[in-house]
C-alpha atoms as a PDB file:
ATOM      1  CA  MET A   1      56.200 117.830 125.241  1.00  0.00           C
ATOM      2  CA  LYS A   2      54.026 119.227 128.055  1.00  0.00           C
ATOM      3  CA  ARG A   3      57.075 119.658 130.279  1.00  0.00           C
ATOM      4  CA  LEU A   4      58.879 121.671 127.581  1.00  0.00           C
ATOM      5  CA  THR A   5      55.846 123.875 126.925  1.00  0.00           C
ATOM      6  CA  ILE A   6      55.502 124.664 130.635  1.00  0.00           C
ATOM      7  CA  ILE A   7      59.196 125.543 130.896  1.00  0.00           C
ATOM      8  CA  LEU A   8      59.102 127.806 127.843  1.00  0.00           C
ATOM      9  CA  THR A   9      55.965 129.550 129.056  1.00  0.00           C
ATOM     10  CA  GLY A  10      57.626 130.191 132.428  1.00  0.00           C
ATOM     11  CA  ILE A  11      60.734 131.600 130.769  1.00  0.00           C
ATOM     12  CA  LEU A  12      58.697 133.923 128.579  1.00  0.00           C
ATOM     13  CA  LEU A  13      56.733 135.167 131.575  1.00  0.00           C
ATOM     14  CA  VAL A  14      59.925 135.802 133.539  1.00  0.00           C
ATOM     15  CA  ILE A  15      61.645 137.777 130.810  1.00  0.00           C
ATOM     16  CA  SER A  16      58.554 139.628 129.643  1.00  0.00           C
ATOM     17  CA  SER A  17      58.751 142.240 132.399  1.00  0.00           C
ATOM     18  CA  LYS A  18      61.726 143.305 134.522  1.00  0.00           C
ATOM     19  CA  GLN A  19      62.510 146.060 136.971  1.00  0.00           C
ATOM     20  CA  VAL A  20      66.195 146.928 137.454  1.00  0.00           C
ATOM     21  CA  ASN A  21      67.430 149.670 139.762  1.00  0.00           C
ATOM     22  CA  GLY A  22      63.920 151.092 140.033  1.00  0.00           C
ATOM     23  CA  GLN A  23      63.485 151.317 136.267  1.00  0.00           C
ATOM     24  CA  ASP A  24      60.750 149.245 134.612  1.00  0.00           C
ATOM     25  CA  PHE A  25      61.543 147.474 131.351  1.00  0.00           C
ATOM     26  CA  PRO A  26      58.789 145.858 129.294  1.00  0.00           C
ATOM     27  CA  GLU A  27      61.258 143.038 128.644  1.00  0.00           C
ATOM     28  CA  PHE A  28      64.936 142.255 128.385  1.00  0.00           C
ATOM     29  CA  LEU A  29      66.227 142.698 124.852  1.00  0.00           C
ATOM     30  CA  ALA A  30      68.829 140.247 123.591  1.00  0.00           C
ATOM     31  CA  ILE A  31      72.269 141.672 122.948  1.00  0.00           C
ATOM     32  CA  GLY A  32      75.768 140.227 122.740  1.00  0.00           C
ATOM     33  CA  LEU A  33      78.869 141.344 124.611  1.00  0.00           C
ATOM     34  CA  GLY A  34      82.172 141.308 122.795  1.00  0.00           C
ATOM     35  CA  GLU A  35      85.585 140.908 124.365  1.00  0.00           C
ATOM     36  CA  ALA A  36      86.959 144.191 125.682  1.00  0.00           C
ATOM     37  CA  GLU A  37      89.867 145.770 123.815  1.00  0.00           C
ATOM     38  CA  LEU A  38      92.507 146.766 126.372  1.00  0.00           C
ATOM     39  CA  VAL A  39      94.752 149.673 125.432  1.00  0.00           C
ATOM     40  CA  GLY A  40      97.987 150.498 127.232  1.00  0.00           C
ATOM     41  CA  ASP A  41      99.302 149.111 130.508  1.00  0.00           C
ATOM     42  CA  PHE A  42      96.103 147.504 131.665  1.00  0.00           C
ATOM     43  CA  ASP A  43      96.068 145.291 134.759  1.00  0.00           C
ATOM     44  CA  PRO A  44      94.757 141.709 134.091  1.00  0.00           C
ATOM     45  CA  ASN A  45      92.841 141.697 137.393  1.00  0.00           C
ATOM     46  CA  ALA A  46      91.213 144.964 136.403  1.00  0.00           C
ATOM     47  CA  ALA A  47      90.160 143.318 133.146  1.00  0.00           C
ATOM     48  CA  MET A  48      88.194 140.746 135.168  1.00  0.00           C
ATOM     49  CA  VAL A  49      86.523 143.545 137.093  1.00  0.00           C
ATOM     50  CA  LEU A  50      85.705 145.220 133.770  1.00  0.00           C
ATOM     51  CA  ASP A  51      84.028 142.061 132.494  1.00  0.00           C
ATOM     52  CA  GLY A  52      81.799 141.896 135.578  1.00  0.00           C
ATOM     53  CA  MET A  53      80.987 145.603 135.287  1.00  0.00           C
ATOM     54  CA  LEU A  54      79.987 145.236 131.625  1.00  0.00           C
ATOM     55  CA  SER A  55      77.738 142.248 132.431  1.00  0.00           C
ATOM     56  CA  SER A  56      76.034 144.342 135.104  1.00  0.00           C
ATOM     57  CA  PHE A  57      75.698 147.225 132.656  1.00  0.00           C
ATOM     58  CA  ILE A  58      73.964 144.878 130.169  1.00  0.00           C
ATOM     59  CA  THR A  59      71.482 143.769 132.828  1.00  0.00           C
ATOM     60  CA  ASP A  60      70.952 147.240 134.290  1.00  0.00           C
ATOM     61  CA  GLY A  61      70.304 148.591 130.821  1.00  0.00           C
ATOM     62  CA  GLY A  62      67.413 146.171 130.292  1.00  0.00           C
ATOM     63  CA  PHE A  63      69.271 143.712 128.095  1.00  0.00           C
ATOM     64  CA  SER A  64      69.785 139.983 128.180  1.00  0.00           C
ATOM     65  CA  LYS A  65      73.225 138.756 127.159  1.00  0.00           C
ATOM     66  CA  MET A  66      72.991 136.357 124.222  1.00  0.00           C
ATOM     67  CA  ASN A  67      75.862 135.483 121.923  1.00  0.00           C
ATOM     68  CA  THR A  68      73.580 134.893 118.926  1.00  0.00           C
ATOM     69  CA  ALA A  69      71.825 138.262 119.210  1.00  0.00           C
ATOM     70  CA  LYS A  70      71.491 140.561 116.200  1.00  0.00           C
ATOM     71  CA  TYR A  71      73.505 143.317 117.942  1.00  0.00           C
ATOM     72  CA  PHE A  72      76.428 143.245 120.332  1.00  0.00           C
ATOM     73  CA  VAL A  73      78.351 145.731 122.449  1.00  0.00           C
ATOM     74  CA  ALA A  74      82.069 146.122 121.710  1.00  0.00           C
ATOM     75  CA  PRO A  75      83.884 147.717 124.702  1.00  0.00           C
ATOM     76  CA  ARG A  76      87.252 149.456 124.539  1.00  0.00           C
ATOM     77  CA  ILE A  77      89.152 150.837 127.505  1.00  0.00           C
ATOM     78  CA  GLY A  78      92.519 152.553 127.796  1.00  0.00           C
ATOM     79  CA  VAL A  79      94.672 154.494 130.195  1.00  0.00           C
ATOM     80  CA  ILE A  80      94.676 158.236 129.507  1.00  0.00           C
ATOM     81  CA  ASN A  81      96.729 159.345 132.451  1.00  0.00           C
ATOM     82  CA  SER A  82      98.205 157.989 135.685  1.00  0.00           C
ATOM     83  CA  ALA A  83     100.053 159.677 138.540  1.00  0.00           C
ATOM     84  CA  VAL A  84     101.705 158.943 141.858  1.00  0.00           C
ATOM     85  CA  THR A  85     101.375 161.413 144.753  1.00  0.00           C
ATOM     86  CA  GLY A  86     102.769 161.513 148.260  1.00  0.00           C
ATOM     87  CA  ASN A  87     105.845 159.950 149.740  1.00  0.00           C
ATOM     88  CA  TYR A  88     104.500 157.521 152.311  1.00  0.00           C
ATOM     89  CA  PRO A  89     102.099 156.030 151.769  1.00  0.00           C
ATOM     90  CA  VAL A  90     102.277 156.318 147.993  1.00  0.00           C
ATOM     91  CA  PHE A  91      98.933 157.164 146.385  1.00  0.00           C
ATOM     92  CA  HIS A  92      98.099 156.256 142.767  1.00  0.00           C
ATOM     93  CA  THR A  93      95.521 157.897 140.533  1.00  0.00           C
ATOM     94  CA  VAL A  94      94.414 156.798 137.066  1.00  0.00           C
ATOM     95  CA  GLU A  95      92.203 158.276 134.385  1.00  0.00           C
ATOM     96  CA  LEU A  96      90.618 155.794 131.953  1.00  0.00           C
ATOM     97  CA  GLN A  97      88.554 156.205 128.820  1.00  0.00           C
ATOM     98  CA  LEU A  98      85.764 153.657 128.380  1.00  0.00           C
ATOM     99  CA  SER A  99      84.206 153.459 124.907  1.00  0.00           C
ATOM    100  CA  LEU A 100      81.158 151.386 124.042  1.00  0.00           C
ATOM    101  CA  ALA A 101      79.991 150.668 120.500  1.00  0.00           C
ATOM    102  CA  ALA A 102      76.781 148.838 119.609  1.00  0.00           C
ATOM    103  CA  CYS A 103      77.415 146.901 116.383  1.00  0.00           C
ATOM    104  CA  ASP A 104      75.463 144.793 113.937  1.00  0.00           C
ATOM    105  CA  ASN A 105      76.592 141.185 114.458  1.00  0.00           C
ATOM    106  CA  GLU A 106      76.360 140.446 110.736  1.00  0.00           C
ATOM    107  CA  SER A 107      77.576 143.593 108.980  1.00  0.00           C
ATOM    108  CA  LYS A 108      79.715 144.808 111.934  1.00  0.00           C
ATOM    109  CA  ASP A 109      78.345 148.339 111.323  1.00  0.00           C
ATOM    110  CA  ILE A 110      78.250 150.611 114.368  1.00  0.00           C
ATOM    111  CA  ILE A 111      74.715 151.772 115.172  1.00  0.00           C
ATOM    112  CA  LYS A 112      75.539 153.726 118.334  1.00  0.00           C
ATOM    113  CA  SER A 113      78.629 154.611 120.334  1.00  0.00           C
ATOM    114  CA  THR A 114      79.559 156.544 123.438  1.00  0.00           C
ATOM    115  CA  SER A 115      82.647 157.301 125.463  1.00  0.00           C
ATOM    116  CA  ILE A 116      83.126 158.333 129.109  1.00  0.00           C
ATOM    117  CA  ILE A 117      86.076 159.244 131.301  1.00  0.00           C
ATOM    118  CA  ILE A 118      86.381 157.375 134.595  1.00  0.00           C
ATOM    119  CA  LYS A 119      88.807 158.047 137.431  1.00  0.00           C
ATOM    120  CA  GLY A 120      90.056 156.045 140.362  1.00  0.00           C
ATOM    121  CA  SER A 121      92.646 156.080 143.118  1.00  0.00           C
ATOM    122  CA  GLY A 122      94.299 153.629 145.462  1.00  0.00           C
ATOM    123  CA  PHE A 123      97.468 152.669 147.261  1.00  0.00           C
ATOM    124  CA  THR A 124      98.579 150.699 144.183  1.00  0.00           C
ATOM    125  CA  TYR A 125      98.220 151.183 140.465  1.00  0.00           C
ATOM    126  CA  GLN A 126      96.031 148.075 140.285  1.00  0.00           C
ATOM    127  CA  GLU A 127      93.745 149.282 143.094  1.00  0.00           C
ATOM    128  CA  ALA A 128      93.317 152.666 141.412  1.00  0.00           C
ATOM    129  CA  MET A 129      92.388 151.034 138.107  1.00  0.00           C
ATOM    130  CA  GLN A 130      89.890 148.644 139.680  1.00  0.00           C
ATOM    131  CA  GLU A 131      88.365 151.456 141.723  1.00  0.00           C
ATOM    132  CA  ALA A 132      87.814 153.486 138.529  1.00  0.00           C
ATOM    133  CA  ILE A 133      86.062 150.569 136.814  1.00  0.00           C
ATOM    134  CA  ARG A 134      83.858 149.789 139.828  1.00  0.00           C
ATOM    135  CA  GLY A 135      82.643 153.358 139.783  1.00  0.00           C
ATOM    136  CA  VAL A 136      80.906 152.969 136.436  1.00  0.00           C
ATOM    137  CA  ARG A 137      77.115 153.121 136.863  1.00  0.00           C
ATOM    138  CA  LEU A 138      74.196 153.230 134.471  1.00  0.00           C
ATOM    139  CA  GLN A 139      73.196 156.514 136.116  1.00  0.00           C
ATOM    140  CA  ASN A 140      75.909 158.109 134.012  1.00  0.00           C
ATOM    141  CA  GLU A 141      73.957 160.177 131.520  1.00  0.00           C
ATOM    142  CA  GLY A 142      76.123 159.105 128.597  1.00  0.00           C
ATOM    143  CA  LEU A 143      75.717 155.400 129.364  1.00  0.00           C
ATOM    144  CA  LYS A 144      72.021 155.759 130.118  1.00  0.00           C
ATOM    145  CA  GLN A 145      71.384 157.535 126.819  1.00  0.00           C
ATOM    146  CA  PHE A 146      73.500 154.923 125.011  1.00  0.00           C
ATOM    147  CA  ALA A 147      71.408 152.091 126.464  1.00  0.00           C
ATOM    148  CA  ASN A 148      68.101 153.792 125.615  1.00  0.00           C
ATOM    149  CA  ASP A 149      69.189 154.542 122.039  1.00  0.00           C
ATOM    150  CA  VAL A 150      70.343 150.948 121.508  1.00  0.00           C
ATOM    151  CA  ARG A 151      67.028 149.629 122.865  1.00  0.00           C
ATOM    152  CA  ASP A 152      65.087 151.915 120.524  1.00  0.00           C
ATOM    153  CA  ARG A 153      67.228 150.811 117.578  1.00  0.00           C
ATOM    154  CA  ILE A 154      66.701 147.107 118.380  1.00  0.00           C
ATOM    155  CA  VAL A 155      62.929 147.535 118.727  1.00  0.00           C
ATOM    156  CA  ALA A 156      62.796 149.535 115.476  1.00  0.00           C
ATOM    157  CA  PHE A 157      64.774 146.905 113.595  1.00  0.00           C
ATOM    158  CA  TYR A 158      62.568 144.017 114.700  1.00  0.00           C
ATOM    159  CA  SER A 159      59.394 145.995 114.082  1.00  0.00           C
ATOM    160  CA  ALA A 160      60.493 146.547 110.493  1.00  0.00           C
ATOM    161  CA  GLU A 161      62.082 143.136 109.835  1.00  0.00           C
ATOM    162  CA  CYS A 162      59.904 140.841 111.924  1.00  0.00           C
ATOM    163  CA  SER A 163      58.181 139.095 109.002  1.00  0.00           C
ATOM    164  CA  ARG A 164      61.485 138.488 107.222  1.00  0.00           C
ATOM    165  CA  ILE A 165      63.034 137.075 110.403  1.00  0.00           C
ATOM    166  CA  LEU A 166      60.127 134.669 110.779  1.00  0.00           C
ATOM    167  CA  ALA A 167      60.510 133.569 107.160  1.00  0.00           C
ATOM    168  CA  ASP A 168      64.282 133.082 107.558  1.00  0.00           C
ATOM    169  CA  ALA A 169      63.766 131.107 110.774  1.00  0.00           C
ATOM    170  CA  LYS A 170      61.310 128.785 109.047  1.00  0.00           C
ATOM    171  CA  ALA A 171      63.582 128.361 106.029  1.00  0.00           C
ATOM    172  CA  ASN A 172      66.642 127.526 108.141  1.00  0.00           C
ATOM    173  CA  SER A 173      64.853 125.458 110.787  1.00  0.00           C
ATOM    174  CA  THR A 174      65.916 122.145 109.234  1.00  0.00           C
ATOM    175  CA  ASP A 175      69.580 122.871 108.544  1.00  0.00           C
ATOM    176  CA  SER A 176      70.218 125.265 111.453  1.00  0.00           C
ATOM    177  CA  PRO A 177      67.601 124.700 114.162  1.00  0.00           C
ATOM    178  CA  TYR A 178      69.747 126.289 116.876  1.00  0.00           C
ATOM    179  CA  ARG A 179      70.226 129.430 114.819  1.00  0.00           C
ATOM    180  CA  SER A 180      66.516 129.680 114.010  1.00  0.00           C
ATOM    181  CA  ILE A 181      65.502 129.173 117.632  1.00  0.00           C
ATOM    182  CA  GLY A 182      68.019 131.766 118.802  1.00  0.00           C
ATOM    183  CA  MET A 183      66.897 134.215 116.113  1.00  0.00           C
ATOM    184  CA  LEU A 184      63.268 133.954 117.200  1.00  0.00           C
ATOM    185  CA  GLY A 185      64.276 134.407 120.839  1.00  0.00           C
ATOM    186  CA  THR A 186      65.685 137.843 120.104  1.00  0.00           C
ATOM    187  CA  ILE A 187      62.399 139.284 118.779  1.00  0.00           C
ATOM    188  CA  PRO A 188      61.156 141.816 121.369  1.00  0.00           C
ATOM    189  CA  LYS A 189      57.612 141.856 122.681  1.00  0.00           C
ATOM    190  CA  ALA A 190      56.963 145.234 121.093  1.00  0.00           C
ATOM    191  CA  SER A 191      57.179 143.673 117.617  1.00  0.00           C
ATOM    192  CA  SER A 192      53.943 142.973 115.791  1.00  0.00           C
ATOM    193  CA  CYS A 193      54.866 139.342 115.186  1.00  0.00           C
ATOM    194  CA  TYR A 194      56.001 138.554 118.735  1.00  0.00           C
ATOM    195  CA  ASP A 195      53.198 136.083 119.469  1.00  0.00           C
ATOM    196  CA  GLU A 196      53.789 134.342 116.169  1.00  0.00           C
ATOM    197  CA  ALA A 197      57.527 134.202 116.910  1.00  0.00           C
ATOM    198  CA  VAL A 198      56.921 132.650 120.329  1.00  0.00           C
ATOM    199  CA  ALA A 199      54.586 130.026 118.841  1.00  0.00           C
ATOM    200  CA  LEU A 200      57.074 129.235 116.051  1.00  0.00           C
ATOM    201  CA  ARG A 201      59.955 129.060 118.513  1.00  0.00           C
ATOM    202  CA  VAL A 202      58.084 126.557 120.696  1.00  0.00           C
ATOM    203  CA  GLU A 203      57.226 124.566 117.571  1.00  0.00           C
ATOM    204  CA  LEU A 204      60.852 124.521 116.408  1.00  0.00           C
ATOM    205  CA  ILE A 205      62.120 123.532 119.857  1.00  0.00           C
ATOM    206  CA  GLU A 206      59.622 120.687 120.035  1.00  0.00           C
ATOM    207  CA  SER A 207      60.547 119.597 116.514  1.00  0.00           C
ATOM    208  CA  TYR A 208      64.245 119.766 117.331  1.00  0.00           C
ATOM    209  CA  ILE A 209      63.780 117.728 120.501  1.00  0.00           C
ATOM    210  CA  ASP A 210      61.766 115.163 118.534  1.00  0.00           C
ATOM    211  CA  GLN A 211      64.540 114.953 115.930  1.00  0.00           C
ATOM    212  CA  GLN A 212      67.188 114.581 118.612  1.00  0.00           C
ATOM    213  CA  CYS A 213      65.123 111.934 120.351  1.00  0.00           C
ATOM    214  CA  SER A 214      64.566 109.975 117.138  1.00  0.00           C
ATOM    215  CA  GLN A 215      68.259 110.259 116.300  1.00  0.00           C
ATOM    216  CA  ALA A 216      69.179 109.035 119.786  1.00  0.00           C
ATOM    217  CA  ILE A 217      66.906 106.019 119.356  1.00  0.00           C
ATOM    218  CA  THR A 218      68.388 105.313 115.915  1.00  0.00           C
ATOM    219  CA  ASP A 219      71.932 105.582 117.292  1.00  0.00           C
ATOM    220  CA  ALA A 220      71.042 103.319 120.209  1.00  0.00           C
ATOM    221  CA  ARG A 221      69.512 100.719 117.868  1.00  0.00           C
ATOM    222  CA  ILE A 222      72.551 100.772 115.553  1.00  0.00           C
ATOM    223  CA  THR A 223      74.920 100.471 118.525  1.00  0.00           C
ATOM    224  CA  TRP A 224      72.922  97.578 119.942  1.00  0.00           C
ATOM    225  CA  GLU A 225      72.760  95.723 116.635  1.00  0.00           C
ATOM    226  CA  SER A 226      76.503  96.155 116.026  1.00  0.00           C
ATOM    227  CA  SER A 227      77.913  95.596 119.514  1.00  0.00           C
ATOM    228  CA  GLN A 228      75.188  93.942 121.626  1.00  0.00           C
ATOM    229  CA  ASN A 229      76.593  96.077 124.467  1.00  0.00           C
ATOM    230  CA  ILE A 230      73.653  97.245 126.535  1.00  0.00           C
ATOM    231  CA  GLN A 231      75.594  99.970 128.404  1.00  0.00           C
ATOM    232  CA  LYS A 232      76.866 101.597 125.194  1.00  0.00           C
ATOM    233  CA  SER A 233      73.470 101.192 123.517  1.00  0.00           C
ATOM    234  CA  LEU A 234      71.488 102.895 126.261  1.00  0.00           C
ATOM    235  CA  THR A 235      73.900 105.825 126.692  1.00  0.00           C
ATOM    236  CA  PRO A 236      72.295 107.914 123.854  1.00  0.00           C
ATOM    237  CA  LEU A 237      68.875 107.437 125.499  1.00  0.00           C
ATOM    238  CA  LYS A 238      69.727 109.111 128.819  1.00  0.00           C
ATOM    239  CA  GLY A 239      68.044 112.372 127.791  1.00  0.00           C
ATOM    240  CA  VAL A 240      64.748 110.781 126.707  1.00  0.00           C
ATOM    241  CA  SER A 241      61.864 111.808 128.957  1.00  0.00           C
ATOM    242  CA  PHE A 242      58.454 110.179 129.416  1.00  0.00           C
ATOM    243  CA  SER A 243      56.899 113.416 128.123  1.00  0.00           C
ATOM    244  CA  ASP A 244      58.735 113.271 124.770  1.00  0.00           C
ATOM    245  CA  ASN A 245      56.769 112.363 121.664  1.00  0.00           C
ATOM    246  CA  CYS A 246      59.199 109.554 120.888  1.00  0.00           C
ATOM    247  CA  TYR A 247      58.813 107.947 124.308  1.00  0.00           C
ATOM    248  CA  ASP A 248      56.681 105.141 122.864  1.00  0.00           C
ATOM    249  CA  GLU A 249      59.418 104.461 120.327  1.00  0.00           C
ATOM    250  CA  TYR A 250      61.900 104.488 123.184  1.00  0.00           C
ATOM    251  CA  LEU A 251      59.829 101.888 125.048  1.00  0.00           C
ATOM    252  CA  ALA A 252      59.560  99.812 121.867  1.00  0.00           C
ATOM    253  CA  LEU A 253      63.358  99.839 121.547  1.00  0.00           C
ATOM    254  CA  ILE A 254      63.716  98.794 125.191  1.00  0.00           C
ATOM    255  CA  ASP A 255      61.300  95.929 124.507  1.00  0.00           C
ATOM    256  CA  GLU A 256      63.353  94.950 121.452  1.00  0.00           C
ATOM    257  CA  VAL A 257      66.533  94.947 123.509  1.00  0.00           C
ATOM    258  CA  ASP A 258      64.814  92.906 126.229  1.00  0.00           C
ATOM    259  CA  ALA A 259      63.575  90.442 123.609  1.00  0.00           C
ATOM    260  CA  ASP A 260      67.035  90.179 122.046  1.00  0.00           C
ATOM    261  CA  ILE A 261      68.567  89.602 125.471  1.00  0.00           C
ATOM    262  CA  ALA A 262      65.945  86.965 126.300  1.00  0.00           C
ATOM    263  CA  GLU A 263      66.566  85.300 122.943  1.00  0.00           C
ATOM    264  CA  ALA A 264      70.321  85.385 123.496  1.00  0.00           C
ATOM    265  CA  ILE A 265      69.881  83.896 126.965  1.00  0.00           C
ATOM    266  CA  ALA A 266      67.611  81.189 125.512  1.00  0.00           C
ATOM    267  CA  ARG A 267      70.206  80.427 122.825  1.00  0.00           C
ATOM    268  CA  GLU A 268      72.962  80.254 125.423  1.00  0.00           C
ATOM    269  CA  GLU A 269      70.863  77.995 127.625  1.00  0.00           C
ATOM    270  CA  ALA A 270      69.983  75.773 124.658  1.00  0.00           C
ATOM    271  CA  GLU A 271      73.634  75.622 123.635  1.00  0.00           C
ATOM    272  CA  ALA A 272      74.610  74.826 127.205  1.00  0.00           C
ATOM    273  CA  GLU A 273      71.967  72.082 127.286  1.00  0.00           C
ATOM    274  CA  ARG A 274      73.266  70.639 124.009  1.00  0.00           C
ATOM    275  CA  GLU A 275      76.802  70.722 125.349  1.00  0.00           C
ATOM    276  CA  ARG A 276      75.646  69.060 128.566  1.00  0.00           C
ATOM    277  CA  GLN A 277      73.819  66.337 126.640  1.00  0.00           C
ATOM    278  CA  LEU A 278      76.816  65.832 124.389  1.00  0.00           C
ATOM    279  CA  LEU A 279      79.074  65.619 127.421  1.00  0.00           C
ATOM    280  CA  ASP A 280      76.723  63.122 129.049  1.00  0.00           C
ATOM    281  CA  LYS A 281      76.722  61.107 125.838  1.00  0.00           C
ATOM    282  CA  LEU A 282      80.506  61.174 125.665  1.00  0.00           C
ATOM    283  CA  ILE A 283      80.744  60.158 129.302  1.00  0.00           C
ATOM    284  CA  LYS A 284      78.300  57.287 128.734  1.00  0.00           C
ATOM    285  CA  GLU A 285      80.126  56.186 125.598  1.00  0.00           C
ATOM    286  CA  GLU A 286      83.449  56.383 127.406  1.00  0.00           C
ATOM    287  CA  ARG A 287      81.995  54.406 130.297  1.00  0.00           C
ATOM    288  CA  LEU A 288      80.536  51.800 127.932  1.00  0.00           C
ATOM    289  CA  GLU A 289      83.824  51.588 126.048  1.00  0.00           C
ATOM    290  CA  ARG A 290      85.631  51.107 129.326  1.00  0.00           C
ATOM    291  CA  ILE A 291      83.187  48.337 130.267  1.00  0.00           C
ATOM    292  CA  ARG A 292      83.651  46.741 126.854  1.00  0.00           C
ATOM    293  CA  GLN A 293      87.415  46.935 127.262  1.00  0.00           C
ATOM    294  CA  GLU A 294      87.136  45.344 130.679  1.00  0.00           C
ATOM    295  CA  GLU A 295      84.889  42.619 129.231  1.00  0.00           C
ATOM    296  CA  ARG A 296      87.317  42.047 126.363  1.00  0.00           C
ATOM    297  CA  GLU A 297      90.185  41.916 128.847  1.00  0.00           C
ATOM    298  CA  ASP A 298      88.273  39.438 131.023  1.00  0.00           C
ATOM    299  CA  GLN A 299      87.481  37.333 127.965  1.00  0.00           C
ATOM    300  CA  ARG A 300      91.101  37.450 126.850  1.00  0.00           C
ATOM    301  CA  MET A 301      92.279  36.337 130.268  1.00  0.00           C
ATOM    302  CA  ALA A 302      89.601  33.618 130.344  1.00  0.00           C
ATOM    303  CA  ASP A 303      90.709  32.459 126.892  1.00  0.00           C
ATOM    304  CA  GLU A 304      94.318  32.437 128.056  1.00  0.00           C
ATOM    305  CA  ARG A 305      93.399  30.388 131.116  1.00  0.00           C
ATOM    306  CA  ALA A 306      91.374  27.989 128.977  1.00  0.00           C
ATOM    307  CA  ASP A 307      94.242  27.679 126.542  1.00  0.00           C
ATOM    308  CA  GLN A 308      96.612  27.049 129.424  1.00  0.00           C
ATOM    309  CA  ARG A 309      94.289  24.330 130.724  1.00  0.00           C
ATOM    310  CA  ARG A 310      94.099  22.776 127.283  1.00  0.00           C
ATOM    311  CA  GLN A 311      97.861  22.844 127.004  1.00  0.00           C
ATOM    312  CA  GLU A 312      98.256  21.286 130.462  1.00  0.00           C
ATOM    313  CA  GLU A 313      95.683  18.638 129.619  1.00  0.00           C
ATOM    314  CA  ARG A 314      97.531  17.922 126.385  1.00  0.00           C
ATOM    315  CA  ARG A 315     100.797  17.636 128.229  1.00  0.00           C
ATOM    316  CA  ASP A 316      99.183  15.281 130.765  1.00  0.00           C
ATOM    317  CA  GLN A 317      97.741  13.228 127.970  1.00  0.00           C
ATOM    318  CA  LEU A 318     101.121  13.066 126.251  1.00  0.00           C
ATOM    319  CA  ARG A 319     102.721  12.050 129.518  1.00  0.00           C
ATOM    320  CA  ARG A 320     100.131   9.343 129.989  1.00  0.00           C
ATOM    321  CA  GLU A 321     100.547   8.174 126.412  1.00  0.00           C
ATOM    322  CA  ASN A 322     104.335   8.139 126.790  1.00  0.00           C
ATOM    323  CA  ARG A 323     104.069   6.226 130.031  1.00  0.00           C
ATOM    324  CA  ALA A 324     101.687   3.706 128.491  1.00  0.00           C
ATOM    325  CA  HIS A 325     104.010   3.353 125.526  1.00  0.00           C
ATOM    326  CA  GLU A 326     106.974   2.822 127.819  1.00  0.00           C
ATOM    327  CA  LEU A 327     104.980   0.254 129.763  1.00  0.00           C
ATOM    328  CA  ASN A 328     104.099  -1.503 126.525  1.00  0.00           C
ATOM    329  CA  LEU A 329     107.723  -1.431 125.469  1.00  0.00           C
ATOM    330  CA  ALA A 330     108.758  -2.834 128.829  1.00  0.00           C
ATOM    331  CA  LYS A 331     106.157  -5.544 128.551  1.00  0.00           C
ATOM    332  CA  VAL A 332     107.294  -6.378 125.055  1.00  0.00           C
ATOM    333  CA  ALA A 333     110.896  -6.497 126.175  1.00  0.00           C
ATOM    334  CA  ALA A 334     110.040  -8.625 129.171  1.00  0.00           C
ATOM    335  CA  SER A 335     108.006 -10.922 126.986  1.00  0.00           C
ATOM    336  CA  ALA A 336     110.849 -11.184 124.474  1.00  0.00           C
ATOM    337  CA  VAL A 337     113.329 -11.971 127.184  1.00  0.00           C
ATOM    338  CA  GLU A 338     110.975 -14.487 128.654  1.00  0.00           C
ATOM    339  CA  SER A 339     110.405 -16.035 125.279  1.00  0.00           C
ATOM    340  CA  TYR A 340     114.094 -16.089 124.569  1.00  0.00           C
ATOM    341  CA  TRP A 341     114.901 -17.913 127.706  1.00  0.00           C
ATOM    342  CA  LYS A 342     112.099 -20.259 127.165  1.00  0.00           C
ATOM    343  CA  ASN A 343     113.481 -21.272 123.820  1.00  0.00           C
ATOM    344  CA  GLN A 344     116.966 -21.828 125.149  1.00  0.00           C
ATOM    345  CA  PRO A 345     118.067 -25.310 126.309  1.00  0.00           C
ATOM    346  CA  SER A 346     118.621 -25.690 129.931  1.00  0.00           C
ATOM    347  CA  PRO A 347     122.191 -24.814 130.773  1.00  0.00           C
ATOM    348  CA  THR A 348     124.615 -27.515 131.980  1.00  0.00           C
ATOM    349  CA  TYR A 349     127.918 -27.553 133.704  1.00  0.00           C
ATOM    350  CA  ASP A 350     129.754 -27.936 130.516  1.00  0.00           C
ATOM    351  CA  THR A 351     127.931 -25.128 128.840  1.00  0.00           C
ATOM    352  CA  TYR A 352     128.841 -22.656 131.514  1.00  0.00           C
ATOM    353  CA  TYR A 353     132.322 -23.954 131.757  1.00  0.00           C
ATOM    354  CA  ILE A 354     132.888 -23.615 128.099  1.00  0.00           C
ATOM    355  CA  LYS A 355     131.619 -20.021 128.098  1.00  0.00           C
ATOM    356  CA  TRP A 356     133.742 -19.076 130.961  1.00  0.00           C
END
């Protein structure tokens, strides 16, 4: 938190003493600026000029514009009179009434008010109105007295209520840290508890930053655990600085994320290795099965060829046996014929003649 302390100290030194338009102010007092109430035919461009003029009036009066301030200035401006003179060129004049009321931001009670008449002229109605507004200066006795009275009232209020404001800031620091910090920032230096308010404000800012940092780390951890998306998880941690009290916790979370990523990569690599081994095993098994199929096919073809050879050999054997049997039959027939003729008497002329 050294960086924060240095920044806060610089801010306090800058706003502790100011000189505006030759007038020394011990400090700028916080005050709010309400939206101007426009009465009558008021030019929108002139309203923008009015807003710039009122901001300058706040600064020139020794105030610092803060929306959460205890008091605020409510401006009201309206057209009292307008006229056109001349034929060519036409010349416009306007008369405006500017009213300022310093109000309590909580009760809305008016603590001081003033009203001045401002005049302007120009070639158009709009130019005349803007010229009137640009002519407003803090040197106007009514505005100068208004600013001084409001400053005195603010200092008096904080001098009387300083202790209560400190107590309220401490009580609301947990539920409404912004409100407490803003409340303490409005305490003027003239108050008896100013130093205590500055110390408490720095303490609350540091505490708030620590809470925000811890919450950012918690959010980042939850996002990482639920999504494992590193870009989404680290987004809440963009505001964490090396000078923050939770920076060590931030580094620990980064280490956790790194470890989770390394573990996830290791798991993916292990899974990829298992898949590769399984694929290699399947390829080997497929290759072996293909070899077995080829071997079975070769064996089947070999068995078919062997069976064909056996069948051919059987047919050859049957042919040989048939031939041998036929030869035996022929021999038997020849032997029978030979035996028959041997047993027959020799033929004579008469025998043949009788037969024929």
